[in-house]
Amino acid sequence: MAACQSQHHSHVQKVKRNLYMLQIIRALGGSPSSVSTPSI
């Protein structure tokens, strides 16, 4: 169960990071449409 939770947590962190990256790109004036989901 703990392993499952930690795996889910890391996935959530990755999603949050992707959203953060998109926010930065938008703030810089870039168009999110030209950026396919950033893979980190």
N, C-alpha and C. Protein backbone atom coordinates (compact mmCIF):
# COMPACT_ATOMS: atom_id res chain seq x y z
N MET A 1 0.84 -1.20 0.00
CA MET A 1 0.00 0.00 0.00
C MET A 1 0.88 1.26 0.00
N ALA A 2 1.92 1.22 0.81
CA ALA A 2 2.81 2.39 0.89
C ALA A 2 3.46 2.65 -0.47
N ALA A 3 3.86 1.57 -1.15
CA ALA A 3 4.49 1.71 -2.46
C ALA A 3 3.51 2.35 -3.43
N CYS A 4 2.27 1.94 -3.34
CA CYS A 4 1.24 2.48 -4.22
C CYS A 4 1.09 3.99 -3.98
N GLN A 5 1.06 4.37 -2.71
CA GLN A 5 0.88 5.77 -2.37
C GLN A 5 2.06 6.61 -2.85
N SER A 6 3.27 6.11 -2.65
CA SER A 6 4.45 6.88 -3.06
C SER A 6 4.47 7.03 -4.59
N GLN A 7 4.04 5.99 -5.30
CA GLN A 7 4.01 6.06 -6.76
C GLN A 7 2.99 7.12 -7.19
N HIS A 8 1.84 7.14 -6.52
CA HIS A 8 0.80 8.11 -6.84
C HIS A 8 1.32 9.52 -6.54
N HIS A 9 2.04 9.66 -5.44
CA HIS A 9 2.57 10.96 -5.03
C HIS A 9 3.53 11.49 -6.09
N SER A 10 4.41 10.62 -6.57
CA SER A 10 5.38 11.06 -7.58
C SER A 10 4.66 11.47 -8.86
N HIS A 11 3.56 10.78 -9.18
CA HIS A 11 2.78 11.13 -10.37
C HIS A 11 2.16 12.50 -10.19
N VAL A 12 1.63 12.76 -9.01
CA VAL A 12 1.02 14.06 -8.72
C VAL A 12 2.07 15.16 -8.83
N GLN A 13 3.26 14.89 -8.31
CA GLN A 13 4.34 15.87 -8.38
C GLN A 13 4.67 16.19 -9.83
N LYS A 14 4.70 15.16 -10.68
CA LYS A 14 5.04 15.35 -12.09
C LYS A 14 3.98 16.21 -12.77
N VAL A 15 2.72 15.94 -12.46
CA VAL A 15 1.63 16.71 -13.07
C VAL A 15 1.71 18.16 -12.62
N LYS A 16 1.95 18.37 -11.34
CA LYS A 16 2.06 19.73 -10.83
C LYS A 16 3.20 20.46 -11.51
N ARG A 17 4.32 19.75 -11.73
CA ARG A 17 5.48 20.36 -12.37
C ARG A 17 5.14 20.76 -13.79
N ASN A 18 4.39 19.90 -14.50
CA ASN A 18 4.01 20.20 -15.88
C ASN A 18 3.12 21.43 -15.92
N LEU A 19 2.17 21.52 -14.98
CA LEU A 19 1.28 22.67 -14.94
C LEU A 19 2.08 23.93 -14.64
N TYR A 20 3.07 23.80 -13.76
CA TYR A 20 3.92 24.94 -13.41
C TYR A 20 4.68 25.42 -14.63
N MET A 21 5.20 24.47 -15.41
CA MET A 21 5.93 24.81 -16.62
C MET A 21 5.02 25.55 -17.60
N LEU A 22 3.79 25.07 -17.74
CA LEU A 22 2.85 25.71 -18.66
C LEU A 22 2.55 27.13 -18.21
N GLN A 23 2.44 27.33 -16.89
CA GLN A 23 2.17 28.67 -16.37
C GLN A 23 3.33 29.61 -16.71
N ILE A 24 4.56 29.11 -16.57
CA ILE A 24 5.74 29.92 -16.88
C ILE A 24 5.74 30.29 -18.36
N ILE A 25 5.43 29.30 -19.21
CA ILE A 25 5.41 29.54 -20.66
C ILE A 25 4.35 30.59 -21.00
N ARG A 26 3.19 30.49 -20.36
CA ARG A 26 2.12 31.46 -20.61
C ARG A 26 2.57 32.83 -20.14
N ALA A 27 3.23 32.88 -18.98
CA ALA A 27 3.67 34.16 -18.43
C ALA A 27 4.68 34.82 -19.37
N LEU A 28 5.47 34.00 -20.05
CA LEU A 28 6.47 34.54 -20.97
C LEU A 28 5.85 34.94 -22.31
N GLY A 29 4.56 34.65 -22.47
CA GLY A 29 3.89 35.06 -23.69
C GLY A 29 3.89 33.99 -24.77
N GLY A 30 4.35 32.80 -24.41
CA GLY A 30 4.34 31.71 -25.39
C GLY A 30 2.94 31.12 -25.49
N SER A 31 2.63 30.49 -26.60
CA SER A 31 1.31 29.89 -26.74
C SER A 31 1.37 28.42 -26.32
N PRO A 32 0.56 28.03 -25.34
CA PRO A 32 0.55 26.65 -24.86
C PRO A 32 0.23 25.65 -25.96
N SER A 33 -0.48 26.11 -27.00
CA SER A 33 -0.88 25.19 -28.07
C SER A 33 0.34 24.69 -28.84
N SER A 34 1.39 25.51 -28.88
CA SER A 34 2.58 25.12 -29.63
C SER A 34 3.45 24.17 -28.80
N VAL A 35 3.11 24.05 -27.53
CA VAL A 35 3.90 23.19 -26.65
C VAL A 35 3.11 21.94 -26.33
N SER A 36 3.59 20.80 -26.80
CA SER A 36 2.94 19.55 -26.45
C SER A 36 3.36 19.19 -25.04
N THR A 37 2.44 18.65 -24.26
CA THR A 37 2.68 18.38 -22.84
C THR A 37 4.16 18.13 -22.56
N PRO A 38 4.79 19.03 -21.83
CA PRO A 38 6.23 18.91 -21.56
C PRO A 38 6.54 17.65 -20.78
N SER A 39 7.45 16.84 -21.27
CA SER A 39 7.83 15.63 -20.55
C SER A 39 9.12 15.89 -19.79
N ILE A 40 9.06 15.72 -18.48
CA ILE A 40 10.24 16.02 -17.66
C ILE A 40 10.78 14.73 -17.06
